[in-house]
C-alpha atoms as a PDB file:
ATOM      1  CA  MET A   1     -16.180 -28.825  11.316  1.00  0.00           C
ATOM      2  CA  ASN A   2     -17.128 -28.440   7.273  1.00  0.00           C
ATOM      3  CA  GLY A   3     -20.061 -26.685   7.999  1.00  0.00           C
ATOM      4  CA  THR A   4     -18.223 -23.911   9.999  1.00  0.00           C
ATOM      5  CA  LYS A   5     -15.497 -23.404   7.133  1.00  0.00           C
ATOM      6  CA  THR A   6     -17.820 -23.042   4.684  1.00  0.00           C
ATOM      7  CA  MET A   7     -19.624 -20.009   6.655  1.00  0.00           C
ATOM      8  CA  ILE A   8     -16.292 -18.532   7.337  1.00  0.00           C
ATOM      9  CA  GLU A   9     -15.358 -18.877   3.549  1.00  0.00           C
ATOM     10  CA  TRP A  10     -19.021 -17.215   2.481  1.00  0.00           C
ATOM     11  CA  LEU A  11     -18.557 -14.343   5.047  1.00  0.00           C
ATOM     12  CA  LYS A  12     -14.997 -13.428   3.608  1.00  0.00           C
ATOM     13  CA  ARG A  13     -16.264 -13.673   0.017  1.00  0.00           C
ATOM     14  CA  LYS A  14     -19.311 -11.403   1.065  1.00  0.00           C
ATOM     15  CA  TRP A  15     -16.924  -8.798   2.999  1.00  0.00           C
ATOM     16  CA  TRP A  16     -14.714  -8.817  -0.127  1.00  0.00           C
ATOM     17  CA  MET A  17     -17.461  -8.102  -2.841  1.00  0.00           C
ATOM     18  CA  HIS A  18     -19.114  -5.354  -0.124  1.00  0.00           C
ATOM     19  CA  ARG A  19     -15.395  -3.592   0.007  1.00  0.00           C
ATOM     20  CA  PHE A  20     -15.183  -3.995  -3.732  1.00  0.00           C
ATOM     21  CA  GLY A  21     -18.614  -2.443  -4.470  1.00  0.00           C
ATOM     22  CA  ARG A  22     -18.244   0.436  -2.078  1.00  0.00           C
ATOM     23  CA  VAL A  23     -14.946   1.509  -4.077  1.00  0.00           C
ATOM     24  CA  ALA A  24     -16.685   1.690  -7.210  1.00  0.00           C
ATOM     25  CA  ARG A  25     -19.438   3.816  -5.790  1.00  0.00           C
ATOM     26  CA  ASN A  26     -16.976   5.914  -4.047  1.00  0.00           C
ATOM     27  CA  TRP A  27     -14.798   6.893  -7.235  1.00  0.00           C
ATOM     28  CA  PRO A  28     -17.072   8.195  -9.703  1.00  0.00           C
ATOM     29  CA  VAL A  29     -15.735   9.924 -12.950  1.00  0.00           C
ATOM     30  CA  GLU A  30     -15.932  13.178 -10.784  1.00  0.00           C
ATOM     31  CA  ARG A  31     -13.528  12.576  -8.253  1.00  0.00           C
ATOM     32  CA  PHE A  32     -11.083  10.545 -10.521  1.00  0.00           C
ATOM     33  CA  LEU A  33     -10.488  13.412 -13.364  1.00  0.00           C
ATOM     34  CA  PRO A  34      -9.090  15.679 -11.150  1.00  0.00           C
ATOM     35  CA  THR A  35      -6.245  13.350 -10.535  1.00  0.00           C
ATOM     36  CA  THR A  36      -5.124  13.010 -14.119  1.00  0.00           C
ATOM     37  CA  ASP A  37      -3.770  15.591 -16.752  1.00  0.00           C
ATOM     38  CA  LEU A  38      -6.312  14.080 -19.321  1.00  0.00           C
ATOM     39  CA  GLU A  39      -8.783  17.054 -20.153  1.00  0.00           C
ATOM     40  CA  LEU A  40     -12.218  16.122 -20.975  1.00  0.00           C
ATOM     41  CA  SER A  41     -15.056  17.983 -22.296  1.00  0.00           C
ATOM     42  CA  GLU A  42     -18.193  18.016 -20.604  1.00  0.00           C
ATOM     43  CA  ALA A  43     -19.540  15.756 -23.479  1.00  0.00           C
ATOM     44  CA  GLU A  44     -16.894  13.512 -23.008  1.00  0.00           C
ATOM     45  CA  ARG A  45     -17.275  13.284 -19.385  1.00  0.00           C
ATOM     46  CA  ASN A  46     -21.001  12.224 -19.926  1.00  0.00           C
ATOM     47  CA  GLU A  47     -19.641   9.342 -21.950  1.00  0.00           C
ATOM     48  CA  LEU A  48     -18.445   7.616 -18.939  1.00  0.00           C
ATOM     49  CA  PRO A  49     -21.438   7.123 -16.845  1.00  0.00           C
ATOM     50  CA  LEU A  50     -20.240   3.731 -15.338  1.00  0.00           C
ATOM     51  CA  GLY A  51     -17.492   5.524 -13.631  1.00  0.00           C
ATOM     52  CA  LEU A  52     -14.830   3.168 -12.456  1.00  0.00           C
ATOM     53  CA  TYR A  53     -16.069   0.345 -14.718  1.00  0.00           C
ATOM     54  CA  ALA A  54     -15.853   2.597 -17.951  1.00  0.00           C
ATOM     55  CA  TRP A  55     -11.966   3.234 -17.230  1.00  0.00           C
ATOM     56  CA  ARG A  56     -11.310   1.495 -20.765  1.00  0.00           C
ATOM     57  CA  GLN A  57     -13.068   4.261 -22.721  1.00  0.00           C
ATOM     58  CA  LEU A  58     -10.042   6.668 -21.767  1.00  0.00           C
ATOM     59  CA  VAL A  59      -7.268   4.059 -22.967  1.00  0.00           C
ATOM     60  CA  PRO A  60      -7.812   5.522 -26.867  1.00  0.00           C
ATOM     61  CA  TRP A  61      -7.284   9.371 -25.273  1.00  0.00           C
ATOM     62  CA  TYR A  62      -4.170   8.136 -23.947  1.00  0.00           C
ATOM     63  CA  ILE A  63      -2.898   6.169 -26.811  1.00  0.00           C
ATOM     64  CA  ALA A  64      -3.589   9.260 -28.883  1.00  0.00           C
ATOM     65  CA  ARG A  65      -1.486  11.215 -26.949  1.00  0.00           C
ATOM     66  CA  PHE A  66       1.388   8.930 -25.948  1.00  0.00           C
ATOM     67  CA  GLY A  67       1.072   5.839 -28.083  1.00  0.00           C
ATOM     68  CA  ALA A  68       4.006   4.903 -30.441  1.00  0.00           C
ATOM     69  CA  GLY A  69       1.585   4.938 -33.490  1.00  0.00           C
ATOM     70  CA  GLY A  70       2.093   2.625 -36.657  1.00  0.00           C
ATOM     71  CA  ASN A  71      -0.591   0.935 -38.854  1.00  0.00           C
ATOM     72  CA  ASP A  72       0.768  -2.559 -37.921  1.00  0.00           C
ATOM     73  CA  GLU A  73       0.645  -2.034 -34.358  1.00  0.00           C
ATOM     74  CA  GLN A  74      -2.164  -4.361 -32.308  1.00  0.00           C
ATOM     75  CA  ILE A  75      -4.467  -4.471 -29.133  1.00  0.00           C
ATOM     76  CA  TYR A  76      -3.825  -7.453 -26.881  1.00  0.00           C
ATOM     77  CA  CYS A  77      -6.396  -8.079 -24.601  1.00  0.00           C
ATOM     78  CA  PHE A  78      -6.128 -10.957 -21.871  1.00  0.00           C
ATOM     79  CA  GLY A  79      -9.299 -11.931 -20.079  1.00  0.00           C
ATOM     80  CA  VAL A  80     -12.330 -11.127 -22.421  1.00  0.00           C
ATOM     81  CA  ALA A  81     -15.095 -13.664 -21.627  1.00  0.00           C
ATOM     82  CA  HIS A  82     -17.561 -11.019 -20.381  1.00  0.00           C
ATOM     83  CA  GLY A  83     -17.131  -8.783 -23.200  1.00  0.00           C
ATOM     84  CA  ASP A  84     -16.719  -5.682 -20.944  1.00  0.00           C
ATOM     85  CA  THR A  85     -13.108  -5.343 -22.034  1.00  0.00           C
ATOM     86  CA  VAL A  86     -13.817  -4.938 -25.847  1.00  0.00           C
ATOM     87  CA  SER A  87     -16.838  -3.073 -25.225  1.00  0.00           C
ATOM     88  CA  GLY A  88     -15.232  -0.534 -23.318  1.00  0.00           C
ATOM     89  CA  LEU A  89     -12.255  -0.147 -26.002  1.00  0.00           C
ATOM     90  CA  VAL A  90     -14.337   0.014 -28.993  1.00  0.00           C
ATOM     91  CA  THR A  91     -16.813   2.649 -27.308  1.00  0.00           C
ATOM     92  CA  GLY A  92     -13.587   4.775 -26.772  1.00  0.00           C
ATOM     93  CA  PHE A  93     -12.110   4.513 -30.121  1.00  0.00           C
ATOM     94  CA  ARG A  94     -15.641   5.301 -31.482  1.00  0.00           C
ATOM     95  CA  ASN A  95     -16.167   8.338 -29.143  1.00  0.00           C
ATOM     96  CA  ARG A  96     -12.820   9.537 -30.152  1.00  0.00           C
ATOM     97  CA  GLY A  97     -13.540   9.061 -34.093  1.00  0.00           C
ATOM     98  CA  MET A  98     -10.092   6.693 -34.227  1.00  0.00           C
ATOM     99  CA  LYS A  99      -9.399   3.790 -36.041  1.00  0.00           C
ATOM    100  CA  ILE A 100      -9.578   0.731 -33.980  1.00  0.00           C
ATOM    101  CA  PRO A 101      -6.350  -1.295 -34.249  1.00  0.00           C
ATOM    102  CA  HIS A 102      -6.539  -5.333 -34.696  1.00  0.00           C
ATOM    103  CA  MET A 103      -7.575  -6.557 -31.334  1.00  0.00           C
ATOM    104  CA  GLN A 104      -6.084  -9.828 -30.279  1.00  0.00           C
ATOM    105  CA  LEU A 105      -8.519 -11.424 -27.863  1.00  0.00           C
ATOM    106  CA  PHE A 106      -7.530 -14.226 -25.378  1.00  0.00           C
ATOM    107  CA  ASP A 107      -9.739 -16.127 -22.870  1.00  0.00           C
ATOM    108  CA  SER A 108     -10.005 -19.804 -21.899  1.00  0.00           C
ATOM    109  CA  PHE A 109     -13.920 -19.080 -20.902  1.00  0.00           C
ATOM    110  CA  LYS A 110     -13.420 -21.900 -18.372  1.00  0.00           C
ATOM    111  CA  GLY A 111     -12.916 -19.129 -15.463  1.00  0.00           C
ATOM    112  CA  LEU A 112      -9.658 -18.905 -13.452  1.00  0.00           C
ATOM    113  CA  PRO A 113      -7.135 -21.573 -13.427  1.00  0.00           C
ATOM    114  CA  ALA A 114      -5.207 -22.445 -10.159  1.00  0.00           C
ATOM    115  CA  GLU A 115      -2.819 -19.827  -8.574  1.00  0.00           C
ATOM    116  CA  VAL A 116       0.895 -20.401  -8.276  1.00  0.00           C
ATOM    117  CA  PRO A 117       1.389 -22.488  -4.842  1.00  0.00           C
ATOM    118  CA  GLY A 118       1.893 -19.974  -1.940  1.00  0.00           C
ATOM    119  CA  VAL A 119       0.947 -16.979  -3.629  1.00  0.00           C
ATOM    120  CA  ALA A 120      -2.183 -15.428  -2.122  1.00  0.00           C
ATOM    121  CA  ALA A 121      -5.604 -14.467  -3.745  1.00  0.00           C
ATOM    122  CA  PRO A 122      -8.698 -12.801  -2.841  1.00  0.00           C
ATOM    123  CA  PRO A 123     -11.450 -15.238  -1.394  1.00  0.00           C
ATOM    124  CA  VAL A 124     -13.676 -14.882  -4.681  1.00  0.00           C
ATOM    125  CA  TRP A 125     -10.952 -16.396  -7.061  1.00  0.00           C
ATOM    126  CA  ASN A 126     -11.731 -19.583  -7.141  1.00  0.00           C
ATOM    127  CA  ILE A 127     -10.772 -22.067  -9.808  1.00  0.00           C
ATOM    128  CA  GLY A 128     -13.260 -21.756 -12.348  1.00  0.00           C
ATOM    129  CA  ALA A 129     -14.571 -18.172 -11.048  1.00  0.00           C
ATOM    130  CA  TYR A 130     -15.709 -15.903 -14.082  1.00  0.00           C
ATOM    131  CA  SER A 131     -16.185 -18.618 -16.585  1.00  0.00           C
ATOM    132  CA  ALA A 132     -18.801 -17.373 -19.119  1.00  0.00           C
ATOM    133  CA  PRO A 133     -20.036 -19.147 -22.356  1.00  0.00           C
ATOM    134  CA  ARG A 134     -17.988 -18.455 -25.750  1.00  0.00           C
ATOM    135  CA  ALA A 135     -21.408 -18.062 -27.296  1.00  0.00           C
ATOM    136  CA  ASP A 136     -22.415 -15.299 -25.305  1.00  0.00           C
ATOM    137  CA  PHE A 137     -19.259 -13.554 -25.963  1.00  0.00           C
ATOM    138  CA  ASN A 138     -19.884 -13.990 -29.659  1.00  0.00           C
ATOM    139  CA  GLN A 139     -23.212 -12.291 -29.224  1.00  0.00           C
ATOM    140  CA  LYS A 140     -21.806  -9.120 -27.426  1.00  0.00           C
ATOM    141  CA  LEU A 141     -19.063  -8.882 -30.079  1.00  0.00           C
ATOM    142  CA  GLN A 142     -21.906  -8.821 -32.950  1.00  0.00           C
ATOM    143  CA  ALA A 143     -23.766  -6.261 -31.009  1.00  0.00           C
ATOM    144  CA  LEU A 144     -20.924  -4.177 -31.291  1.00  0.00           C
ATOM    145  CA  ASN A 145     -21.143  -4.441 -35.092  1.00  0.00           C
ATOM    146  CA  LEU A 146     -17.152  -4.940 -34.929  1.00  0.00           C
ATOM    147  CA  PRO A 147     -15.741  -6.200 -38.809  1.00  0.00           C
ATOM    148  CA  LYS A 148     -14.547  -9.487 -38.464  1.00  0.00           C
ATOM    149  CA  ASP A 149     -11.105  -8.248 -39.751  1.00  0.00           C
ATOM    150  CA  ARG A 150     -10.612  -6.238 -36.858  1.00  0.00           C
ATOM    151  CA  TYR A 151     -10.301  -9.043 -34.119  1.00  0.00           C
ATOM    152  CA  SER A 152      -9.280 -12.651 -33.483  1.00  0.00           C
ATOM    153  CA  VAL A 153     -10.098 -14.825 -30.565  1.00  0.00           C
ATOM    154  CA  TYR A 154      -8.017 -17.224 -29.049  1.00  0.00           C
ATOM    155  CA  GLU A 155      -9.908 -19.898 -26.961  1.00  0.00           C
ATOM    156  CA  GLY A 156      -7.462 -21.560 -24.333  1.00  0.00           C
ATOM    157  CA  TRP A 157      -5.191 -20.903 -21.506  1.00  0.00           C
ATOM    158  CA  PHE A 158      -2.676 -18.212 -22.132  1.00  0.00           C
ATOM    159  CA  LYS A 159       0.282 -20.669 -21.851  1.00  0.00           C
ATOM    160  CA  ASP A 160      -1.182 -22.475 -24.952  1.00  0.00           C
ATOM    161  CA  THR A 161      -2.674 -19.819 -27.023  1.00  0.00           C
ATOM    162  CA  LEU A 162       0.539 -17.597 -27.095  1.00  0.00           C
ATOM    163  CA  ASP A 163       2.536 -19.347 -29.549  1.00  0.00           C
ATOM    164  CA  VAL A 164       5.868 -18.050 -30.656  1.00  0.00           C
ATOM    165  CA  GLN A 165       5.186 -19.276 -34.219  1.00  0.00           C
ATOM    166  CA  LEU A 166       2.502 -16.491 -34.448  1.00  0.00           C
ATOM    167  CA  VAL A 167       4.974 -13.954 -33.673  1.00  0.00           C
ATOM    168  CA  GLN A 168       7.407 -15.426 -36.280  1.00  0.00           C
ATOM    169  CA  SER A 169       4.719 -15.430 -38.776  1.00  0.00           C
ATOM    170  CA  ARG A 170       3.726 -11.862 -38.017  1.00  0.00           C
ATOM    171  CA  VAL A 171       0.268 -12.358 -36.974  1.00  0.00           C
ATOM    172  CA  PHE A 172       1.069 -11.075 -33.854  1.00  0.00           C
ATOM    173  CA  LYS A 173       2.543  -7.492 -34.331  1.00  0.00           C
ATOM    174  CA  PRO A 174       3.762  -5.145 -31.995  1.00  0.00           C
ATOM    175  CA  ALA A 175       1.423  -3.796 -29.195  1.00  0.00           C
ATOM    176  CA  VAL A 176       0.145  -0.417 -28.908  1.00  0.00           C
ATOM    177  CA  TYR A 177      -2.017  -1.474 -25.802  1.00  0.00           C
ATOM    178  CA  VAL A 178      -2.015  -4.429 -23.665  1.00  0.00           C
ATOM    179  CA  ASP A 179      -4.982  -5.170 -21.357  1.00  0.00           C
ATOM    180  CA  ILE A 180      -4.540  -7.434 -18.464  1.00  0.00           C
ATOM    181  CA  ASP A 181      -7.617  -8.792 -16.797  1.00  0.00           C
ATOM    182  CA  ALA A 182      -5.907 -12.017 -15.954  1.00  0.00           C
ATOM    183  CA  ASP A 183      -6.372 -11.650 -12.054  1.00  0.00           C
ATOM    184  CA  LEU A 184      -3.662 -14.104 -10.946  1.00  0.00           C
ATOM    185  CA  TYR A 185      -0.015 -13.783 -10.652  1.00  0.00           C
ATOM    186  CA  GLY A 186       0.640 -16.796 -12.615  1.00  0.00           C
ATOM    187  CA  SER A 187      -1.295 -15.926 -15.542  1.00  0.00           C
ATOM    188  CA  THR A 188      -0.204 -12.233 -15.617  1.00  0.00           C
ATOM    189  CA  LEU A 189       3.402 -13.286 -15.258  1.00  0.00           C
ATOM    190  CA  GLY A 190       3.054 -15.670 -18.288  1.00  0.00           C
ATOM    191  CA  VAL A 191       1.619 -13.253 -20.378  1.00  0.00           C
ATOM    192  CA  LEU A 192       3.917 -10.351 -20.027  1.00  0.00           C
ATOM    193  CA  ASP A 193       6.988 -12.418 -19.982  1.00  0.00           C
ATOM    194  CA  PHE A 194       5.660 -13.798 -23.457  1.00  0.00           C
ATOM    195  CA  MET A 195       5.055 -10.224 -24.647  1.00  0.00           C
ATOM    196  CA  PHE A 196       8.467  -8.884 -23.618  1.00  0.00           C
ATOM    197  CA  SER A 197      10.468 -11.779 -24.753  1.00  0.00           C
ATOM    198  CA  ASN A 198       8.996 -11.510 -28.263  1.00  0.00           C
ATOM    199  CA  LYS A 199       9.272  -7.894 -28.347  1.00  0.00           C
ATOM    200  CA  LEU A 200       5.531  -7.369 -28.637  1.00  0.00           C
ATOM    201  CA  ILE A 201       5.750  -4.725 -25.976  1.00  0.00           C
ATOM    202  CA  ARG A 202       8.380  -2.128 -26.640  1.00  0.00           C
ATOM    203  CA  THR A 203       8.787   1.517 -25.814  1.00  0.00           C
ATOM    204  CA  GLY A 204       5.473   3.551 -26.499  1.00  0.00           C
ATOM    205  CA  THR A 205       3.285   0.391 -25.394  1.00  0.00           C
ATOM    206  CA  LEU A 206       0.541   1.154 -23.049  1.00  0.00           C
ATOM    207  CA  ILE A 207      -0.383  -1.499 -20.363  1.00  0.00           C
ATOM    208  CA  GLY A 208      -3.434  -1.677 -18.326  1.00  0.00           C
ATOM    209  CA  TYR A 209      -4.417  -3.565 -15.443  1.00  0.00           C
ATOM    210  CA  ASP A 210      -8.195  -4.150 -14.404  1.00  0.00           C
ATOM    211  CA  ASP A 211      -7.412  -5.970 -10.972  1.00  0.00           C
ATOM    212  CA  TRP A 212      -4.450  -4.166  -9.523  1.00  0.00           C
ATOM    213  CA  GLY A 213      -5.854  -3.516  -6.080  1.00  0.00           C
ATOM    214  CA  ASP A 214      -7.273  -6.977  -5.183  1.00  0.00           C
ATOM    215  CA  THR A 215      -4.003  -8.335  -3.682  1.00  0.00           C
ATOM    216  CA  ASP A 216      -1.676  -6.481  -1.375  1.00  0.00           C
ATOM    217  CA  LEU A 217       0.796  -4.654  -3.555  1.00  0.00           C
ATOM    218  CA  TRP A 218       3.707  -6.316  -5.002  1.00  0.00           C
ATOM    219  CA  THR A 219       2.967  -9.552  -2.964  1.00  0.00           C
ATOM    220  CA  ALA A 220       0.452 -11.462  -5.549  1.00  0.00           C
ATOM    221  CA  GLY A 221      -1.569 -10.813  -8.408  1.00  0.00           C
ATOM    222  CA  GLU A 222      -1.366  -8.439 -11.308  1.00  0.00           C
ATOM    223  CA  SER A 223       1.477  -5.714  -9.372  1.00  0.00           C
ATOM    224  CA  ARG A 224       3.734  -8.482  -8.148  1.00  0.00           C
ATOM    225  CA  ALA A 225       4.036  -9.787 -11.922  1.00  0.00           C
ATOM    226  CA  HIS A 226       4.430  -6.144 -13.123  1.00  0.00           C
ATOM    227  CA  LYS A 227       7.272  -5.535 -11.021  1.00  0.00           C
ATOM    228  CA  GLU A 228       8.856  -9.037 -11.477  1.00  0.00           C
ATOM    229  CA  ILE A 229       8.898  -8.415 -15.198  1.00  0.00           C
ATOM    230  CA  MET A 230      10.137  -4.996 -14.708  1.00  0.00           C
ATOM    231  CA  VAL A 231      13.219  -6.136 -12.970  1.00  0.00           C
ATOM    232  CA  LYS A 232      13.850  -9.154 -15.469  1.00  0.00           C
ATOM    233  CA  TYR A 233      13.928  -7.167 -18.568  1.00  0.00           C
ATOM    234  CA  GLY A 234      15.349  -3.856 -17.182  1.00  0.00           C
ATOM    235  CA  ALA A 235      12.169  -2.259 -18.385  1.00  0.00           C
ATOM    236  CA  ARG A 236      10.627   1.034 -16.939  1.00  0.00           C
ATOM    237  CA  CYS A 237       7.133   2.226 -17.067  1.00  0.00           C
ATOM    238  CA  ALA A 238       5.306   5.735 -16.207  1.00  0.00           C
ATOM    239  CA  GLN A 239       2.183   5.837 -14.510  1.00  0.00           C
ATOM    240  CA  LEU A 240      -0.512   7.610 -16.530  1.00  0.00           C
ATOM    241  CA  PHE A 241      -3.454   7.091 -14.254  1.00  0.00           C
ATOM    242  CA  SER A 242      -4.841   4.848 -10.988  1.00  0.00           C
ATOM    243  CA  TRP A 243      -8.497   4.930 -10.337  1.00  0.00           C
ATOM    244  CA  GLY A 244     -10.185   3.752  -7.262  1.00  0.00           C
ATOM    245  CA  GLU A 245      -8.311   1.937  -4.164  1.00  0.00           C
ATOM    246  CA  PRO A 246      -7.722  -1.396  -2.736  1.00  0.00           C
ATOM    247  CA  PRO A 247      -9.349  -3.691  -3.285  1.00  0.00           C
ATOM    248  CA  ASP A 248     -10.410  -2.230  -6.597  1.00  0.00           C
ATOM    249  CA  ILE A 249      -8.057  -0.282  -8.515  1.00  0.00           C
ATOM    250  CA  ARG A 250      -7.529   0.283 -12.285  1.00  0.00           C
ATOM    251  CA  LYS A 251      -3.911   1.075 -13.673  1.00  0.00           C
ATOM    252  CA  LEU A 252      -2.542   2.603 -16.878  1.00  0.00           C
ATOM    253  CA  PHE A 253       1.251   2.473 -17.753  1.00  0.00           C
ATOM    254  CA  LEU A 254       3.212   3.767 -20.335  1.00  0.00           C
ATOM    255  CA  VAL A 255       6.482   1.830 -21.266  1.00  0.00           C
ATOM    256  CA  VAL A 256       9.059   4.267 -21.506  1.00  0.00           C
ATOM    257  CA  SER A 257      12.127   1.844 -21.809  1.00  0.00           C
ATOM    258  CA  ALA A 258      11.463  -1.671 -23.012  1.00  0.00           C
ATOM    259  CA  GLY A 259      14.798  -2.554 -21.349  1.00  0.00           C
ATOM    260  CA  GLN A 260      16.295  -5.662 -23.117  1.00  0.00           C
ATOM    261  CA  ASN A 261      13.905  -5.302 -26.048  1.00  0.00           C
END
């Protein structure tokens, strides 16, 4: 019986990964860009060779167009262990010749925690999935030649590293952009609740989601957390782009009203 169950779980994971990879192949830059109003030159298009996986390189373009601005605003990234988040954003800012805001970087480096009981999760979202050594992440930061005064790394579970005292002491300042690569509903809900309740997300903040399509819409994962937080705080967002299709979707939103904030 255990052997049969293991085989079924393996087949589910394999099929899910097959679908995931197929979406990436079916959504190159050439298919995505006509769906947005962001006009890029041929040279700028050529800076996105990874297609769907290069979506964060576009974020600075949208910050320049829609962001609230301000010298004090920061970028918050939740789920950075593999380095792709920071690399994509830094590349985008540098390609556009923009100053990189201070980056607040969060990860446990232990992979995923447990999901909230009763909430669905894809077969590949096991406890500990996507873990990566902190030392490898440090090497990737060094390779980017990002000045050390441009970022801070918070190692641990989000619920432990998001400390209200860091807001009160102005270590945490309002966000121009929040990057959510937390996957799970519970993790995403906790992050968004902290950011909204402490007025770190405000009108003009952009929010990006790396795993929007991994779960059924509004029932689990990042989409459910986003919807519940919008309702809780009476906030409103405008979608700036949607890249891909289930189970591999990237979303970028602009907060047009922070509600109770």
